[in-house]
Amino acid sequence: MNKAELVNRMAEIADLPKVTAEKALNAFMEAVTEALKNGDKVTLVGFGTFTVVERAERMGRNPRTGEQIKIPARKVVKFKPGSKLEEAVG
């Protein structure tokens, strides 16, 4: 499902115009992004939790040459699904 399909489905479920559903989705994505940038955790009970974690520097291997390379440390976003989401999917 891409963004347009998600907007259409949200509009159907909430009985909203597509424009309003798209604004709501964009606002949600902006709010989550802001919170994660600020180092906050975003928890949606039953759905899941978005967090930012620091990935340590590590050694890797260039698959073409076999040469060892250093992969720098960086921050990554992690999502842990909530119990209701896991139950619905599983």
C-alpha atoms as a PDB file:
ATOM      1  CA  MET A   1       0.000   0.000   0.000  1.00  0.00           C
ATOM      2  CA  ASN A   2       1.440   3.362  -0.987  1.00  0.00           C
ATOM      3  CA  LYS A   3       0.582   6.789   0.437  1.00  0.00           C
ATOM      4  CA  ALA A   4      -2.246   7.496  -2.040  1.00  0.00           C
ATOM      5  CA  GLU A   5      -3.861   4.140  -1.307  1.00  0.00           C
ATOM      6  CA  LEU A   6      -3.520   4.762   2.437  1.00  0.00           C
ATOM      7  CA  VAL A   7      -5.152   8.200   2.087  1.00  0.00           C
ATOM      8  CA  ASN A   8      -8.029   6.655   0.114  1.00  0.00           C
ATOM      9  CA  ARG A   9      -8.534   3.933   2.726  1.00  0.00           C
ATOM     10  CA  MET A  10      -8.387   6.432   5.618  1.00  0.00           C
ATOM     11  CA  ALA A  11     -10.984   8.599   3.845  1.00  0.00           C
ATOM     12  CA  GLU A  12     -13.276   5.570   3.427  1.00  0.00           C
ATOM     13  CA  ILE A  13     -12.930   4.374   7.023  1.00  0.00           C
ATOM     14  CA  ALA A  14     -13.364   7.819   8.615  1.00  0.00           C
ATOM     15  CA  ASP A  15     -15.938   9.004   6.062  1.00  0.00           C
ATOM     16  CA  LEU A  16     -13.807  12.068   5.264  1.00  0.00           C
ATOM     17  CA  PRO A  17     -12.918  13.844   2.045  1.00  0.00           C
ATOM     18  CA  LYS A  18      -9.598  12.630   0.617  1.00  0.00           C
ATOM     19  CA  VAL A  19      -8.073  16.102   1.056  1.00  0.00           C
ATOM     20  CA  THR A  20      -8.829  16.025   4.790  1.00  0.00           C
ATOM     21  CA  ALA A  21      -7.499  12.475   5.149  1.00  0.00           C
ATOM     22  CA  GLU A  22      -4.269  13.482   3.381  1.00  0.00           C
ATOM     23  CA  LYS A  23      -3.862  16.513   5.675  1.00  0.00           C
ATOM     24  CA  ALA A  24      -4.358  14.246   8.699  1.00  0.00           C
ATOM     25  CA  LEU A  25      -1.798  11.727   7.438  1.00  0.00           C
ATOM     26  CA  ASN A  26       0.740  14.467   6.660  1.00  0.00           C
ATOM     27  CA  ALA A  27       0.207  16.003  10.107  1.00  0.00           C
ATOM     28  CA  PHE A  28       0.706  12.582  11.738  1.00  0.00           C
ATOM     29  CA  MET A  29       3.942  11.971   9.833  1.00  0.00           C
ATOM     30  CA  GLU A  30       5.230  15.465  10.663  1.00  0.00           C
ATOM     31  CA  ALA A  31       4.404  15.083  14.365  1.00  0.00           C
ATOM     32  CA  VAL A  32       6.125  11.675  14.585  1.00  0.00           C
ATOM     33  CA  THR A  33       9.178  12.976  12.706  1.00  0.00           C
ATOM     34  CA  GLU A  34       9.446  16.019  15.018  1.00  0.00           C
ATOM     35  CA  ALA A  35       9.172  13.884  18.136  1.00  0.00           C
ATOM     36  CA  LEU A  36      11.836  11.445  16.935  1.00  0.00           C
ATOM     37  CA  LYS A  37      14.168  14.305  15.935  1.00  0.00           C
ATOM     38  CA  ASN A  38      13.824  15.646  19.479  1.00  0.00           C
ATOM     39  CA  GLY A  39      14.789  12.261  20.930  1.00  0.00           C
ATOM     40  CA  ASP A  40      11.286  11.418  22.117  1.00  0.00           C
ATOM     41  CA  LYS A  41       9.592   8.045  21.836  1.00  0.00           C
ATOM     42  CA  VAL A  42       6.184   7.825  20.115  1.00  0.00           C
ATOM     43  CA  THR A  43       3.864   5.190  21.579  1.00  0.00           C
ATOM     44  CA  LEU A  44       0.494   4.341  20.089  1.00  0.00           C
ATOM     45  CA  VAL A  45      -1.032   1.865  22.532  1.00  0.00           C
ATOM     46  CA  GLY A  46      -2.010  -1.344  20.779  1.00  0.00           C
ATOM     47  CA  PHE A  47      -0.368  -0.257  17.505  1.00  0.00           C
ATOM     48  CA  GLY A  48       3.311   0.141  18.334  1.00  0.00           C
ATOM     49  CA  THR A  49       6.231   2.302  19.387  1.00  0.00           C
ATOM     50  CA  PHE A  50       8.641   4.354  17.284  1.00  0.00           C
ATOM     51  CA  THR A  51      12.073   5.016  18.827  1.00  0.00           C
ATOM     52  CA  VAL A  52      15.469   6.299  17.721  1.00  0.00           C
ATOM     53  CA  VAL A  53      18.490   4.202  18.674  1.00  0.00           C
ATOM     54  CA  GLU A  54      22.203   4.750  18.164  1.00  0.00           C
ATOM     55  CA  ARG A  55      23.814   2.090  15.984  1.00  0.00           C
ATOM     56  CA  ALA A  56      27.467   1.632  16.972  1.00  0.00           C
ATOM     57  CA  GLU A  57      30.363   1.877  14.540  1.00  0.00           C
ATOM     58  CA  ARG A  58      31.240  -1.529  13.137  1.00  0.00           C
ATOM     59  CA  MET A  59      33.390  -3.274  10.588  1.00  0.00           C
ATOM     60  CA  GLY A  60      31.825  -4.510   7.360  1.00  0.00           C
ATOM     61  CA  ARG A  61      33.011  -6.020   4.125  1.00  0.00           C
ATOM     62  CA  ASN A  62      32.709  -4.629   0.609  1.00  0.00           C
ATOM     63  CA  PRO A  63      30.914  -7.454  -1.247  1.00  0.00           C
ATOM     64  CA  ARG A  64      32.659  -6.649  -4.553  1.00  0.00           C
ATOM     65  CA  THR A  65      36.238  -6.492  -3.381  1.00  0.00           C
ATOM     66  CA  GLY A  66      36.116  -8.316  -0.049  1.00  0.00           C
ATOM     67  CA  GLU A  67      37.921  -5.340   1.476  1.00  0.00           C
ATOM     68  CA  GLN A  68      37.082  -4.547   5.106  1.00  0.00           C
ATOM     69  CA  ILE A  69      35.436  -1.148   5.614  1.00  0.00           C
ATOM     70  CA  LYS A  70      34.452   0.831   8.666  1.00  0.00           C
ATOM     71  CA  ILE A  71      30.716   1.541   8.872  1.00  0.00           C
ATOM     72  CA  PRO A  72      30.214   4.740  10.900  1.00  0.00           C
ATOM     73  CA  ALA A  73      27.884   5.052  13.881  1.00  0.00           C
ATOM     74  CA  ARG A  74      24.474   6.530  13.134  1.00  0.00           C
ATOM     75  CA  LYS A  75      20.973   6.934  14.465  1.00  0.00           C
ATOM     76  CA  VAL A  76      18.202   4.694  13.117  1.00  0.00           C
ATOM     77  CA  VAL A  77      14.446   4.584  13.648  1.00  0.00           C
ATOM     78  CA  LYS A  78      13.021   1.378  15.080  1.00  0.00           C
ATOM     79  CA  PHE A  79       9.399   0.291  15.248  1.00  0.00           C
ATOM     80  CA  LYS A  80       8.165  -2.273  17.752  1.00  0.00           C
ATOM     81  CA  PRO A  81       4.644  -3.458  16.987  1.00  0.00           C
ATOM     82  CA  GLY A  82       2.057  -3.434  19.767  1.00  0.00           C
ATOM     83  CA  SER A  83       0.151  -6.478  20.936  1.00  0.00           C
ATOM     84  CA  LYS A  84      -3.080  -5.678  19.049  1.00  0.00           C
ATOM     85  CA  LEU A  85      -1.211  -5.177  15.760  1.00  0.00           C
ATOM     86  CA  GLU A  86       0.768  -8.397  16.205  1.00  0.00           C
ATOM     87  CA  GLU A  87      -2.433 -10.251  17.073  1.00  0.00           C
ATOM     88  CA  ALA A  88      -4.245  -8.892  13.996  1.00  0.00           C
ATOM     89  CA  VAL A  89      -1.393  -9.795  11.639  1.00  0.00           C
ATOM     90  CA  GLY A  90      -0.327 -13.062  13.221  1.00  0.00           C
END
